[in-house]
Amino acid sequence: MTGVDQLDPLLQALQALKPPGASKTKIASITNLAVENVQVNKCPLVVMVSLLTSSQSESVISQRLYRHFKRTPGTHKLGVLYVVDSVTRQWIEKARQSGQDLSDSSAPDGSFASGVHKITELLPALIDDLIQNAPTDHKVCLS
């Protein structure tokens, strides 16, 4: 198993942890995987090959993070949000280091900037879901 295929088992492992479902090492592992598989393509041949082999890009990573968050019990959603935060922060840093324009909402797929925009678009839905599904004792902190 390589690349993004490792993401789902790593995310599933968060649910085995005590609430909120996060540990520094697991968040770091998932973040590293997300950074390594954004797939900033510099060569047209690499772009063509990636299209033929289930693209391992920020788009797939963003979708899997969102899907996992939606399936996660309310007790562990905050842990997934920690992962989303960590991944996004690293993508922002890498975008800046690579000279990618974070203000350009039409950043090319497979770029760190595109990943940041995708996550930014998903964030309101994630926060709404978190608030609606948080355990009662957590809702005091979210208000």
N, C-alpha and C. Protein backbone atom coordinates (compact mmCIF):
# COMPACT_ATOMS: atom_id res chain seq x y z
N MET A 1 0.85 -1.17 0.00
CA MET A 1 0.00 0.00 0.00
C MET A 1 0.90 1.24 0.00
N THR A 2 0.67 2.13 -0.95
CA THR A 2 1.49 3.33 -1.02
C THR A 2 0.63 4.58 -1.14
N GLY A 3 1.24 5.71 -0.89
CA GLY A 3 0.58 6.98 -1.11
C GLY A 3 -0.72 7.15 -0.35
N VAL A 4 -1.71 7.66 -1.07
CA VAL A 4 -2.98 8.00 -0.47
C VAL A 4 -3.73 6.76 0.03
N ASP A 5 -3.40 5.58 -0.47
CA ASP A 5 -4.04 4.35 0.00
C ASP A 5 -3.80 4.14 1.50
N GLN A 6 -2.73 4.73 2.01
CA GLN A 6 -2.42 4.61 3.44
C GLN A 6 -3.25 5.56 4.29
N LEU A 7 -3.89 6.53 3.65
CA LEU A 7 -4.63 7.55 4.40
C LEU A 7 -5.81 6.99 5.17
N ASP A 8 -6.63 6.17 4.53
CA ASP A 8 -7.82 5.64 5.20
C ASP A 8 -7.49 4.83 6.46
N PRO A 9 -6.52 3.91 6.41
CA PRO A 9 -6.20 3.18 7.65
C PRO A 9 -5.65 4.09 8.75
N LEU A 10 -4.88 5.11 8.38
CA LEU A 10 -4.38 6.04 9.38
C LEU A 10 -5.52 6.83 10.03
N LEU A 11 -6.47 7.26 9.20
CA LEU A 11 -7.63 7.98 9.73
C LEU A 11 -8.48 7.07 10.61
N GLN A 12 -8.67 5.83 10.18
CA GLN A 12 -9.45 4.87 10.97
C GLN A 12 -8.81 4.65 12.34
N ALA A 13 -7.49 4.65 12.38
CA ALA A 13 -6.78 4.43 13.64
C ALA A 13 -7.07 5.52 14.67
N LEU A 14 -7.48 6.70 14.22
CA LEU A 14 -7.82 7.78 15.15
C LEU A 14 -9.01 7.40 16.03
N GLN A 15 -9.92 6.60 15.49
CA GLN A 15 -11.10 6.21 16.24
C GLN A 15 -10.78 5.25 17.38
N ALA A 16 -9.62 4.60 17.32
CA ALA A 16 -9.23 3.68 18.39
C ALA A 16 -8.66 4.43 19.59
N LEU A 17 -8.38 5.72 19.41
CA LEU A 17 -7.83 6.53 20.50
C LEU A 17 -8.95 7.06 21.39
N LYS A 18 -8.58 7.48 22.58
CA LYS A 18 -9.57 8.10 23.47
C LYS A 18 -9.99 9.43 22.85
N PRO A 19 -11.25 9.84 23.10
CA PRO A 19 -11.70 11.13 22.59
C PRO A 19 -10.75 12.24 23.03
N PRO A 20 -10.44 13.15 22.18
CA PRO A 20 -11.10 13.51 20.94
C PRO A 20 -10.63 12.73 19.72
N GLY A 21 -9.76 11.75 19.90
CA GLY A 21 -9.34 10.91 18.78
C GLY A 21 -8.15 11.47 18.03
N ALA A 22 -7.14 11.88 18.77
CA ALA A 22 -5.95 12.42 18.12
C ALA A 22 -4.73 12.17 19.00
N SER A 23 -3.61 11.97 18.34
CA SER A 23 -2.32 11.92 19.03
C SER A 23 -1.32 12.64 18.13
N LYS A 24 -0.32 13.19 18.75
CA LYS A 24 0.68 13.96 18.01
C LYS A 24 1.32 13.12 16.90
N THR A 25 1.64 11.87 17.20
CA THR A 25 2.31 11.02 16.20
C THR A 25 1.37 10.67 15.03
N LYS A 26 0.12 10.40 15.33
CA LYS A 26 -0.83 10.06 14.25
C LYS A 26 -1.10 11.29 13.37
N ILE A 27 -1.26 12.45 14.01
CA ILE A 27 -1.48 13.67 13.23
C ILE A 27 -0.26 13.94 12.35
N ALA A 28 0.93 13.76 12.88
CA ALA A 28 2.15 13.99 12.11
C ALA A 28 2.25 13.01 10.94
N SER A 29 1.91 11.76 11.17
CA SER A 29 1.97 10.75 10.10
C SER A 29 1.01 11.10 8.96
N ILE A 30 -0.21 11.47 9.32
CA ILE A 30 -1.21 11.81 8.31
C ILE A 30 -0.80 13.08 7.57
N THR A 31 -0.29 14.06 8.31
CA THR A 31 0.14 15.31 7.69
C THR A 31 1.28 15.07 6.71
N ASN A 32 2.26 14.28 7.12
CA ASN A 32 3.38 13.97 6.22
C ASN A 32 2.90 13.27 4.95
N LEU A 33 2.00 12.34 5.10
CA LEU A 33 1.45 11.64 3.95
C LEU A 33 0.74 12.62 3.02
N ALA A 34 -0.04 13.54 3.60
CA ALA A 34 -0.77 14.52 2.80
C ALA A 34 0.19 15.46 2.05
N VAL A 35 1.26 15.86 2.69
CA VAL A 35 2.24 16.75 2.06
C VAL A 35 2.98 16.02 0.94
N GLU A 36 3.37 14.79 1.19
CA GLU A 36 4.13 14.02 0.21
C GLU A 36 3.31 13.64 -1.02
N ASN A 37 1.99 13.64 -0.90
CA ASN A 37 1.15 13.16 -1.99
C ASN A 37 0.29 14.24 -2.64
N VAL A 38 0.64 15.49 -2.43
CA VAL A 38 -0.09 16.58 -3.09
C VAL A 38 0.09 16.48 -4.59
N GLN A 39 1.24 16.04 -5.01
CA GLN A 39 1.55 15.81 -6.41
C GLN A 39 1.68 17.10 -7.20
N VAL A 40 2.65 17.89 -6.84
CA VAL A 40 2.97 19.07 -7.61
C VAL A 40 3.69 18.56 -8.85
N ASN A 41 3.01 18.64 -9.97
CA ASN A 41 3.53 18.09 -11.22
C ASN A 41 4.32 19.12 -12.01
N LYS A 42 5.53 18.76 -12.37
CA LYS A 42 6.37 19.65 -13.15
C LYS A 42 6.54 19.14 -14.58
N CYS A 43 6.23 17.89 -14.80
CA CYS A 43 6.46 17.27 -16.10
C CYS A 43 5.13 16.79 -16.67
N PRO A 44 4.82 17.13 -17.94
CA PRO A 44 3.55 16.69 -18.53
C PRO A 44 3.38 15.18 -18.50
N LEU A 45 4.47 14.42 -18.61
CA LEU A 45 4.38 12.96 -18.58
C LEU A 45 3.89 12.49 -17.21
N VAL A 46 4.36 13.13 -16.15
CA VAL A 46 3.92 12.79 -14.79
C VAL A 46 2.43 13.07 -14.65
N VAL A 47 1.97 14.18 -15.21
CA VAL A 47 0.55 14.51 -15.17
C VAL A 47 -0.26 13.42 -15.85
N MET A 48 0.18 12.97 -17.02
CA MET A 48 -0.53 11.95 -17.79
C MET A 48 -0.57 10.63 -17.02
N VAL A 49 0.56 10.22 -16.45
CA VAL A 49 0.61 8.97 -15.70
C VAL A 49 -0.30 9.06 -14.48
N SER A 50 -0.31 10.21 -13.79
CA SER A 50 -1.13 10.33 -12.59
C SER A 50 -2.61 10.27 -12.93
N LEU A 51 -3.00 10.75 -14.07
CA LEU A 51 -4.40 10.68 -14.48
C LEU A 51 -4.81 9.24 -14.75
N LEU A 52 -3.88 8.44 -15.19
CA LEU A 52 -4.18 7.05 -15.49
C LEU A 52 -4.14 6.16 -14.26
N THR A 53 -3.47 6.59 -13.23
CA THR A 53 -3.33 5.77 -12.02
C THR A 53 -3.92 6.48 -10.82
N SER A 54 -5.18 6.34 -10.59
CA SER A 54 -5.92 6.95 -9.48
C SER A 54 -5.16 8.07 -8.79
N SER A 55 -5.20 9.21 -9.37
CA SER A 55 -4.49 10.41 -8.95
C SER A 55 -4.35 10.54 -7.44
N GLN A 56 -3.13 10.64 -7.00
CA GLN A 56 -2.84 10.84 -5.59
C GLN A 56 -2.56 12.32 -5.40
N SER A 57 -3.60 13.13 -5.29
CA SER A 57 -3.42 14.56 -5.21
C SER A 57 -4.19 15.14 -4.04
N GLU A 58 -4.05 16.45 -3.90
CA GLU A 58 -4.75 17.15 -2.82
C GLU A 58 -6.25 16.99 -2.93
N SER A 59 -6.75 16.81 -4.12
CA SER A 59 -8.19 16.64 -4.31
C SER A 59 -8.67 15.34 -3.65
N VAL A 60 -7.95 14.26 -3.88
CA VAL A 60 -8.29 12.98 -3.27
C VAL A 60 -8.12 13.05 -1.75
N ILE A 61 -7.04 13.68 -1.31
CA ILE A 61 -6.79 13.79 0.13
C ILE A 61 -7.90 14.59 0.80
N SER A 62 -8.27 15.72 0.19
CA SER A 62 -9.35 16.56 0.75
C SER A 62 -10.66 15.79 0.83
N GLN A 63 -10.97 15.05 -0.21
CA GLN A 63 -12.21 14.26 -0.24
C GLN A 63 -12.21 13.20 0.86
N ARG A 64 -11.08 12.54 1.03
CA ARG A 64 -11.01 11.47 2.04
C ARG A 64 -11.07 12.03 3.46
N LEU A 65 -10.43 13.18 3.68
CA LEU A 65 -10.53 13.81 4.99
C LEU A 65 -11.98 14.18 5.29
N TYR A 66 -12.66 14.75 4.31
CA TYR A 66 -14.06 15.15 4.48
C TYR A 66 -14.94 13.93 4.74
N ARG A 67 -14.78 12.91 3.91
CA ARG A 67 -15.59 11.70 4.05
C ARG A 67 -15.36 11.04 5.41
N HIS A 68 -14.11 10.98 5.84
CA HIS A 68 -13.82 10.37 7.14
C HIS A 68 -14.43 11.20 8.26
N PHE A 69 -14.33 12.51 8.17
CA PHE A 69 -14.92 13.38 9.19
C PHE A 69 -16.42 13.13 9.31
N LYS A 70 -17.11 13.05 8.17
CA LYS A 70 -18.56 12.85 8.18
C LYS A 70 -18.95 11.50 8.80
N ARG A 71 -18.11 10.49 8.66
CA ARG A 71 -18.40 9.15 9.17
C ARG A 71 -17.96 8.96 10.63
N THR A 72 -17.17 9.89 11.12
CA THR A 72 -16.61 9.75 12.46
C THR A 72 -17.65 10.08 13.52
N PRO A 73 -17.72 9.30 14.61
CA PRO A 73 -18.65 9.62 15.70
C PRO A 73 -18.33 10.99 16.29
N GLY A 74 -19.34 11.64 16.84
CA GLY A 74 -19.19 12.97 17.41
C GLY A 74 -18.08 13.09 18.43
N THR A 75 -17.82 12.01 19.15
CA THR A 75 -16.77 12.03 20.18
C THR A 75 -15.37 12.18 19.61
N HIS A 76 -15.20 11.86 18.32
CA HIS A 76 -13.87 11.86 17.71
C HIS A 76 -13.71 12.87 16.57
N LYS A 77 -14.75 13.64 16.27
CA LYS A 77 -14.68 14.59 15.16
C LYS A 77 -13.62 15.67 15.40
N LEU A 78 -13.44 16.08 16.63
CA LEU A 78 -12.45 17.10 16.93
C LEU A 78 -11.04 16.62 16.56
N GLY A 79 -10.77 15.34 16.76
CA GLY A 79 -9.47 14.78 16.38
C GLY A 79 -9.23 14.88 14.89
N VAL A 80 -10.26 14.61 14.10
CA VAL A 80 -10.13 14.72 12.64
C VAL A 80 -9.93 16.19 12.26
N LEU A 81 -10.59 17.08 12.97
CA LEU A 81 -10.42 18.51 12.70
C LEU A 81 -8.98 18.94 13.00
N TYR A 82 -8.37 18.37 14.03
CA TYR A 82 -6.95 18.63 14.32
C TYR A 82 -6.09 18.21 13.12
N VAL A 83 -6.42 17.08 12.52
CA VAL A 83 -5.68 16.60 11.35
C VAL A 83 -5.86 17.57 10.19
N VAL A 84 -7.10 17.99 9.94
CA VAL A 84 -7.38 18.94 8.86
C VAL A 84 -6.58 20.22 9.07
N ASP A 85 -6.54 20.70 10.30
CA ASP A 85 -5.78 21.91 10.63
C ASP A 85 -4.29 21.71 10.34
N SER A 86 -3.74 20.60 10.77
CA SER A 86 -2.32 20.33 10.58
C SER A 86 -1.97 20.22 9.10
N VAL A 87 -2.78 19.49 8.36
CA VAL A 87 -2.54 19.33 6.91
C VAL A 87 -2.61 20.69 6.22
N THR A 88 -3.63 21.47 6.53
CA THR A 88 -3.80 22.77 5.89
C THR A 88 -2.63 23.71 6.21
N ARG A 89 -2.20 23.72 7.45
CA ARG A 89 -1.06 24.58 7.83
C ARG A 89 0.19 24.20 7.04
N GLN A 90 0.43 22.89 6.88
CA GLN A 90 1.61 22.45 6.12
C GLN A 90 1.47 22.78 4.64
N TRP A 91 0.26 22.61 4.09
CA TRP A 91 0.04 22.97 2.68
C TRP A 91 0.25 24.47 2.46
N ILE A 92 -0.17 25.30 3.42
CA ILE A 92 0.05 26.75 3.30
C ILE A 92 1.54 27.04 3.29
N GLU A 93 2.27 26.42 4.22
CA GLU A 93 3.71 26.63 4.29
C GLU A 93 4.41 26.19 3.01
N LYS A 94 4.05 25.01 2.51
CA LYS A 94 4.67 24.49 1.29
C LYS A 94 4.29 25.34 0.07
N ALA A 95 3.06 25.83 0.04
CA ALA A 95 2.63 26.70 -1.07
C ALA A 95 3.49 27.96 -1.09
N ARG A 96 3.69 28.54 0.07
CA ARG A 96 4.51 29.76 0.15
C ARG A 96 5.96 29.48 -0.26
N GLN A 97 6.50 28.35 0.21
CA GLN A 97 7.87 27.99 -0.15
C GLN A 97 8.02 27.74 -1.65
N SER A 98 6.94 27.24 -2.27
CA SER A 98 6.98 26.93 -3.71
C SER A 98 6.58 28.12 -4.57
N GLY A 99 6.25 29.24 -3.94
CA GLY A 99 5.85 30.42 -4.69
C GLY A 99 4.44 30.33 -5.27
N GLN A 100 3.60 29.47 -4.69
CA GLN A 100 2.23 29.34 -5.17
C GLN A 100 1.37 30.44 -4.56
N ASP A 101 0.51 31.00 -5.39
CA ASP A 101 -0.35 32.11 -4.97
C ASP A 101 -1.57 31.57 -4.22
N LEU A 102 -1.61 31.81 -2.92
CA LEU A 102 -2.72 31.33 -2.10
C LEU A 102 -4.00 32.15 -2.30
N SER A 103 -3.87 33.33 -2.89
CA SER A 103 -5.05 34.15 -3.12
C SER A 103 -5.76 33.78 -4.43
N ASP A 104 -5.13 32.91 -5.22
CA ASP A 104 -5.71 32.50 -6.50
C ASP A 104 -6.61 31.28 -6.28
N SER A 105 -7.92 31.50 -6.32
CA SER A 105 -8.86 30.39 -6.08
C SER A 105 -8.90 29.39 -7.22
N SER A 106 -8.24 29.71 -8.33
CA SER A 106 -8.20 28.76 -9.46
C SER A 106 -6.82 28.12 -9.57
N ALA A 107 -6.18 27.91 -8.43
CA ALA A 107 -4.86 27.25 -8.42
C ALA A 107 -4.99 25.88 -9.07
N PRO A 108 -3.97 25.45 -9.81
CA PRO A 108 -4.05 24.18 -10.52
C PRO A 108 -4.15 22.97 -9.58
N ASP A 109 -4.93 21.97 -10.00
CA ASP A 109 -5.01 20.73 -9.23
C ASP A 109 -3.62 20.16 -9.05
N GLY A 110 -3.42 19.51 -7.93
CA GLY A 110 -2.12 18.92 -7.65
C GLY A 110 -1.15 19.91 -7.03
N SER A 111 -1.65 21.07 -6.63
CA SER A 111 -0.79 22.07 -5.99
C SER A 111 -1.21 22.25 -4.53
N PHE A 112 -0.29 22.74 -3.75
CA PHE A 112 -0.59 22.99 -2.34
C PHE A 112 -1.68 24.05 -2.23
N ALA A 113 -1.59 25.08 -3.07
CA ALA A 113 -2.58 26.17 -3.03
C ALA A 113 -3.98 25.64 -3.33
N SER A 114 -4.11 24.74 -4.28
CA SER A 114 -5.41 24.15 -4.60
C SER A 114 -5.95 23.37 -3.40
N GLY A 115 -5.08 22.65 -2.73
CA GLY A 115 -5.50 21.91 -1.53
C GLY A 115 -6.01 22.83 -0.44
N VAL A 116 -5.33 23.95 -0.24
CA VAL A 116 -5.75 24.92 0.76
C VAL A 116 -7.14 25.45 0.41
N HIS A 117 -7.37 25.74 -0.86
CA HIS A 117 -8.69 26.25 -1.27
C HIS A 117 -9.79 25.20 -1.09
N LYS A 118 -9.48 23.96 -1.40
CA LYS A 118 -10.49 22.89 -1.24
C LYS A 118 -10.86 22.72 0.23
N ILE A 119 -9.86 22.70 1.10
CA ILE A 119 -10.12 22.56 2.53
C ILE A 119 -10.89 23.78 3.05
N THR A 120 -10.51 24.96 2.60
CA THR A 120 -11.18 26.19 3.03
C THR A 120 -12.66 26.16 2.66
N GLU A 121 -12.97 25.61 1.50
CA GLU A 121 -14.37 25.50 1.08
C GLU A 121 -15.14 24.50 1.93
N LEU A 122 -14.45 23.46 2.39
CA LEU A 122 -15.11 22.42 3.19
C LEU A 122 -15.26 22.80 4.66
N LEU A 123 -14.44 23.71 5.14
CA LEU A 123 -14.39 24.03 6.56
C LEU A 123 -15.73 24.44 7.17
N PRO A 124 -16.53 25.31 6.55
CA PRO A 124 -17.82 25.65 7.18
C PRO A 124 -18.71 24.43 7.40
N ALA A 125 -18.74 23.51 6.46
CA ALA A 125 -19.55 22.29 6.61
C ALA A 125 -18.99 21.42 7.73
N LEU A 126 -17.68 21.36 7.87
CA LEU A 126 -17.07 20.57 8.94
C LEU A 126 -17.41 21.15 10.32
N ILE A 127 -17.32 22.46 10.43
CA ILE A 127 -17.62 23.11 11.71
C ILE A 127 -19.09 22.94 12.07
N ASP A 128 -19.98 23.13 11.09
CA ASP A 128 -21.41 22.92 11.34
C ASP A 128 -21.68 21.50 11.82
N ASP A 129 -21.08 20.53 11.16
CA ASP A 129 -21.24 19.12 11.53
C ASP A 129 -20.71 18.88 12.94
N LEU A 130 -19.56 19.46 13.23
CA LEU A 130 -18.96 19.30 14.56
C LEU A 130 -19.90 19.83 15.64
N ILE A 131 -20.45 21.00 15.42
CA ILE A 131 -21.34 21.61 16.41
C ILE A 131 -22.61 20.78 16.58
N GLN A 132 -23.18 20.32 15.49
CA GLN A 132 -24.42 19.55 15.56
C GLN A 132 -24.24 18.19 16.20
N ASN A 133 -23.07 17.57 16.02
CA ASN A 133 -22.88 16.19 16.47
C ASN A 133 -21.96 16.03 17.67
N ALA A 134 -21.52 17.14 18.24
CA ALA A 134 -20.64 17.05 19.40
C ALA A 134 -21.42 16.49 20.59
N PRO A 135 -20.75 15.70 21.42
CA PRO A 135 -21.40 15.22 22.65
C PRO A 135 -21.84 16.42 23.49
N THR A 136 -22.89 16.25 24.25
CA THR A 136 -23.47 17.33 25.04
C THR A 136 -22.45 18.03 25.92
N ASP A 137 -21.55 17.28 26.55
CA ASP A 137 -20.57 17.90 27.44
C ASP A 137 -19.51 18.71 26.67
N HIS A 138 -19.39 18.49 25.36
CA HIS A 138 -18.46 19.27 24.55
C HIS A 138 -19.09 20.54 24.01
N LYS A 139 -20.41 20.56 23.90
CA LYS A 139 -21.09 21.70 23.28
C LYS A 139 -20.89 22.99 24.07
N VAL A 140 -20.67 22.90 25.36
CA VAL A 140 -20.42 24.09 26.16
C VAL A 140 -19.16 24.78 25.65
N CYS A 141 -18.15 23.99 25.29
CA CYS A 141 -16.88 24.55 24.81
C CYS A 141 -17.01 25.13 23.41
N LEU A 142 -17.96 24.65 22.63
CA LEU A 142 -18.11 25.09 21.25
C LEU A 142 -19.01 26.32 21.11
N SER A 143 -19.69 26.68 22.15
CA SER A 143 -20.62 27.82 22.07
C SER A 143 -19.91 29.14 22.14
